[in-house]
Amino acid sequence: MQPGLFQTILETFWFPNVLTIRGEIERKMASIAAVKICTEIPAVAANGSVFSKLLAQGVDLLLPPEEEGENGASNIGSPLD
């Protein structure tokens, strides 16, 4: 495999799109995939910035997705509300 190809795929396709997944089961599956990539792909484990971003997205996928209201604002209140 070409060096850096996996990182390019993550940066081009995974990072911009993964948090748009809506189904609960689908989000869990993507979260598991993110953690498996972090732990089983040596090139990702060796790259701190890619590793941390992928791991953070894996955790974010376990949280309920924010839903936008009619004006584009989130329907989820802030912790200070």
N, C-alpha and C. Protein backbone atom coordinates (compact mmCIF):
# COMPACT_ATOMS: atom_id res chain seq x y z
N MET A 1 0.85 -1.18 0.00
CA MET A 1 0.00 0.00 0.00
C MET A 1 0.89 1.24 0.00
N GLN A 2 0.45 2.27 -0.66
CA GLN A 2 1.19 3.52 -0.77
C GLN A 2 1.28 4.19 0.61
N PRO A 3 2.46 4.66 1.00
CA PRO A 3 2.59 5.34 2.30
C PRO A 3 1.68 6.57 2.38
N GLY A 4 1.00 6.71 3.49
CA GLY A 4 0.12 7.85 3.70
C GLY A 4 -1.26 7.72 3.10
N LEU A 5 -1.52 6.63 2.38
CA LEU A 5 -2.82 6.46 1.71
C LEU A 5 -3.96 6.34 2.73
N PHE A 6 -3.74 5.57 3.78
CA PHE A 6 -4.79 5.38 4.77
C PHE A 6 -5.13 6.70 5.45
N GLN A 7 -4.12 7.49 5.78
CA GLN A 7 -4.35 8.80 6.39
C GLN A 7 -5.12 9.70 5.43
N THR A 8 -4.79 9.66 4.16
CA THR A 8 -5.50 10.47 3.16
C THR A 8 -6.96 10.07 3.09
N ILE A 9 -7.24 8.77 3.13
CA ILE A 9 -8.61 8.29 3.10
C ILE A 9 -9.38 8.77 4.34
N LEU A 10 -8.74 8.68 5.50
CA LEU A 10 -9.39 9.15 6.73
C LEU A 10 -9.69 10.64 6.65
N GLU A 11 -8.72 11.43 6.21
CA GLU A 11 -8.90 12.88 6.18
C GLU A 11 -9.88 13.32 5.10
N THR A 12 -9.94 12.58 4.00
CA THR A 12 -10.81 12.98 2.89
C THR A 12 -12.24 12.49 3.06
N PHE A 13 -12.41 11.28 3.55
CA PHE A 13 -13.75 10.68 3.60
C PHE A 13 -14.28 10.49 5.02
N TRP A 14 -13.48 9.94 5.92
CA TRP A 14 -13.99 9.58 7.24
C TRP A 14 -14.26 10.82 8.10
N PHE A 15 -13.22 11.65 8.34
CA PHE A 15 -13.38 12.77 9.26
C PHE A 15 -14.51 13.72 8.89
N PRO A 16 -14.66 14.13 7.63
CA PRO A 16 -15.73 15.08 7.32
C PRO A 16 -17.14 14.47 7.36
N ASN A 17 -17.26 13.15 7.25
CA ASN A 17 -18.59 12.55 7.07
C ASN A 17 -19.09 11.68 8.20
N VAL A 18 -18.23 11.20 9.06
CA VAL A 18 -18.65 10.17 10.01
C VAL A 18 -19.70 10.68 11.01
N LEU A 19 -19.62 11.92 11.40
CA LEU A 19 -20.58 12.42 12.39
C LEU A 19 -21.94 12.73 11.79
N THR A 20 -22.10 12.54 10.49
CA THR A 20 -23.41 12.73 9.86
C THR A 20 -24.24 11.45 9.91
N ILE A 21 -23.66 10.38 10.40
CA ILE A 21 -24.39 9.10 10.52
C ILE A 21 -25.49 9.29 11.56
N ARG A 22 -26.71 8.85 11.25
CA ARG A 22 -27.86 9.11 12.12
C ARG A 22 -28.39 7.91 12.88
N GLY A 23 -28.38 6.73 12.35
CA GLY A 23 -28.97 5.58 13.03
C GLY A 23 -28.17 5.20 14.27
N GLU A 24 -28.87 4.80 15.33
CA GLU A 24 -28.20 4.46 16.58
C GLU A 24 -27.23 3.28 16.40
N ILE A 25 -27.69 2.24 15.75
CA ILE A 25 -26.83 1.06 15.53
C ILE A 25 -25.68 1.42 14.60
N GLU A 26 -25.97 2.21 13.57
CA GLU A 26 -24.94 2.61 12.63
C GLU A 26 -23.87 3.45 13.31
N ARG A 27 -24.28 4.33 14.23
CA ARG A 27 -23.31 5.15 14.97
C ARG A 27 -22.45 4.28 15.87
N LYS A 28 -23.05 3.28 16.52
CA LYS A 28 -22.28 2.38 17.36
C LYS A 28 -21.26 1.59 16.52
N MET A 29 -21.69 1.14 15.35
CA MET A 29 -20.79 0.39 14.47
C MET A 29 -19.62 1.28 14.01
N ALA A 30 -19.91 2.53 13.68
CA ALA A 30 -18.85 3.44 13.26
C ALA A 30 -17.90 3.74 14.42
N SER A 31 -18.43 3.83 15.62
CA SER A 31 -17.60 4.05 16.80
C SER A 31 -16.65 2.88 17.02
N ILE A 32 -17.18 1.67 16.91
CA ILE A 32 -16.35 0.47 17.05
C ILE A 32 -15.28 0.45 15.96
N ALA A 33 -15.66 0.81 14.74
CA ALA A 33 -14.69 0.84 13.64
C ALA A 33 -13.58 1.85 13.93
N ALA A 34 -13.93 3.00 14.47
CA ALA A 34 -12.93 4.03 14.79
C ALA A 34 -11.93 3.52 15.82
N VAL A 35 -12.45 2.87 16.87
CA VAL A 35 -11.56 2.34 17.91
C VAL A 35 -10.69 1.21 17.36
N LYS A 36 -11.27 0.34 16.52
CA LYS A 36 -10.48 -0.74 15.92
C LYS A 36 -9.38 -0.19 15.02
N ILE A 37 -9.69 0.85 14.26
CA ILE A 37 -8.67 1.46 13.41
C ILE A 37 -7.55 2.03 14.28
N CYS A 38 -7.92 2.69 15.37
CA CYS A 38 -6.91 3.27 16.28
C CYS A 38 -6.00 2.21 16.87
N THR A 39 -6.55 1.06 17.18
CA THR A 39 -5.78 0.04 17.89
C THR A 39 -5.14 -1.00 17.00
N GLU A 40 -5.64 -1.16 15.77
CA GLU A 40 -5.14 -2.26 14.93
C GLU A 40 -4.36 -1.81 13.70
N ILE A 41 -4.31 -0.52 13.41
CA ILE A 41 -3.57 -0.03 12.26
C ILE A 41 -2.34 0.71 12.79
N PRO A 42 -1.15 0.13 12.66
CA PRO A 42 0.06 0.75 13.22
C PRO A 42 0.31 2.17 12.71
N ALA A 43 0.01 2.45 11.45
CA ALA A 43 0.25 3.79 10.91
C ALA A 43 -0.61 4.84 11.61
N VAL A 44 -1.81 4.47 12.02
CA VAL A 44 -2.69 5.40 12.73
C VAL A 44 -2.21 5.56 14.17
N ALA A 45 -1.87 4.45 14.81
CA ALA A 45 -1.40 4.50 16.19
C ALA A 45 -0.12 5.34 16.32
N ALA A 46 0.69 5.36 15.27
CA ALA A 46 1.96 6.11 15.30
C ALA A 46 1.76 7.60 15.02
N ASN A 47 0.62 7.98 14.45
CA ASN A 47 0.37 9.37 14.10
C ASN A 47 -0.57 9.97 15.15
N GLY A 48 -0.01 10.74 16.06
CA GLY A 48 -0.77 11.27 17.20
C GLY A 48 -1.97 12.11 16.83
N SER A 49 -1.84 12.96 15.81
CA SER A 49 -2.97 13.84 15.47
C SER A 49 -4.12 13.04 14.86
N VAL A 50 -3.82 12.09 13.99
CA VAL A 50 -4.87 11.27 13.39
C VAL A 50 -5.48 10.36 14.45
N PHE A 51 -4.65 9.78 15.30
CA PHE A 51 -5.12 8.89 16.36
C PHE A 51 -6.09 9.63 17.28
N SER A 52 -5.69 10.82 17.74
CA SER A 52 -6.54 11.54 18.70
C SER A 52 -7.85 12.01 18.06
N LYS A 53 -7.79 12.45 16.80
CA LYS A 53 -9.01 12.89 16.12
C LYS A 53 -9.97 11.71 15.90
N LEU A 54 -9.42 10.58 15.50
CA LEU A 54 -10.24 9.39 15.26
C LEU A 54 -10.84 8.88 16.56
N LEU A 55 -10.06 8.87 17.62
CA LEU A 55 -10.56 8.42 18.92
C LEU A 55 -11.65 9.36 19.43
N ALA A 56 -11.45 10.67 19.27
CA ALA A 56 -12.46 11.65 19.70
C ALA A 56 -13.76 11.46 18.92
N GLN A 57 -13.66 11.20 17.62
CA GLN A 57 -14.87 10.97 16.83
C GLN A 57 -15.54 9.67 17.25
N GLY A 58 -14.76 8.66 17.62
CA GLY A 58 -15.34 7.42 18.11
C GLY A 58 -16.17 7.64 19.36
N VAL A 59 -15.68 8.49 20.24
CA VAL A 59 -16.43 8.82 21.46
C VAL A 59 -17.65 9.66 21.11
N ASP A 60 -17.49 10.65 20.22
CA ASP A 60 -18.61 11.51 19.82
C ASP A 60 -19.75 10.70 19.20
N LEU A 61 -19.41 9.64 18.52
CA LEU A 61 -20.45 8.81 17.89
C LEU A 61 -21.32 8.11 18.93
N LEU A 62 -20.83 7.95 20.14
CA LEU A 62 -21.62 7.30 21.18
C LEU A 62 -22.61 8.28 21.82
N LEU A 63 -22.41 9.57 21.59
CA LEU A 63 -23.33 10.58 22.10
C LEU A 63 -24.49 10.74 21.13
N PRO A 64 -25.66 11.14 21.61
CA PRO A 64 -26.78 11.35 20.69
C PRO A 64 -26.45 12.49 19.73
N PRO A 65 -26.83 12.35 18.46
CA PRO A 65 -26.54 13.42 17.50
C PRO A 65 -27.37 14.66 17.82
N GLU A 66 -26.78 15.83 17.57
CA GLU A 66 -27.52 17.07 17.76
C GLU A 66 -28.49 17.23 16.61
N GLU A 67 -29.70 17.64 16.92
CA GLU A 67 -30.70 17.86 15.88
C GLU A 67 -30.87 19.35 15.71
N GLU A 68 -30.99 19.78 14.47
CA GLU A 68 -31.14 21.19 14.19
C GLU A 68 -32.61 21.56 14.12
N GLY A 69 -32.93 22.73 14.65
CA GLY A 69 -34.29 23.24 14.59
C GLY A 69 -34.53 23.94 13.26
N GLU A 70 -35.68 24.61 13.16
CA GLU A 70 -36.05 25.27 11.90
C GLU A 70 -35.09 26.38 11.52
N ASN A 71 -34.53 27.08 12.50
CA ASN A 71 -33.63 28.19 12.20
C ASN A 71 -32.16 27.75 12.15
N GLY A 72 -31.91 26.46 12.19
CA GLY A 72 -30.55 25.94 12.12
C GLY A 72 -29.88 25.81 13.47
N ALA A 73 -30.55 26.26 14.52
CA ALA A 73 -29.99 26.18 15.86
C ALA A 73 -30.22 24.79 16.43
N SER A 74 -29.35 24.39 17.30
CA SER A 74 -29.48 23.09 17.93
C SER A 74 -30.66 23.08 18.88
N ASN A 75 -31.38 21.97 18.94
CA ASN A 75 -32.49 21.82 19.88
C ASN A 75 -32.00 21.36 21.24
N ILE A 76 -30.75 21.04 21.34
CA ILE A 76 -30.20 20.60 22.62
C ILE A 76 -29.75 21.81 23.39
N GLY A 77 -30.23 21.97 24.61
CA GLY A 77 -29.89 23.13 25.40
C GLY A 77 -28.46 23.07 25.90
N SER A 78 -27.93 24.22 26.24
CA SER A 78 -26.58 24.26 26.78
C SER A 78 -26.64 23.83 28.23
N PRO A 79 -25.53 23.41 28.80
CA PRO A 79 -25.54 22.97 30.20
C PRO A 79 -25.91 24.09 31.16
N LEU A 80 -25.81 25.34 30.73
CA LEU A 80 -26.11 26.47 31.61
C LEU A 80 -27.58 26.86 31.56
N ASP A 81 -28.39 26.25 30.68
CA ASP A 81 -29.81 26.61 30.57
C ASP A 81 -30.59 26.09 31.75
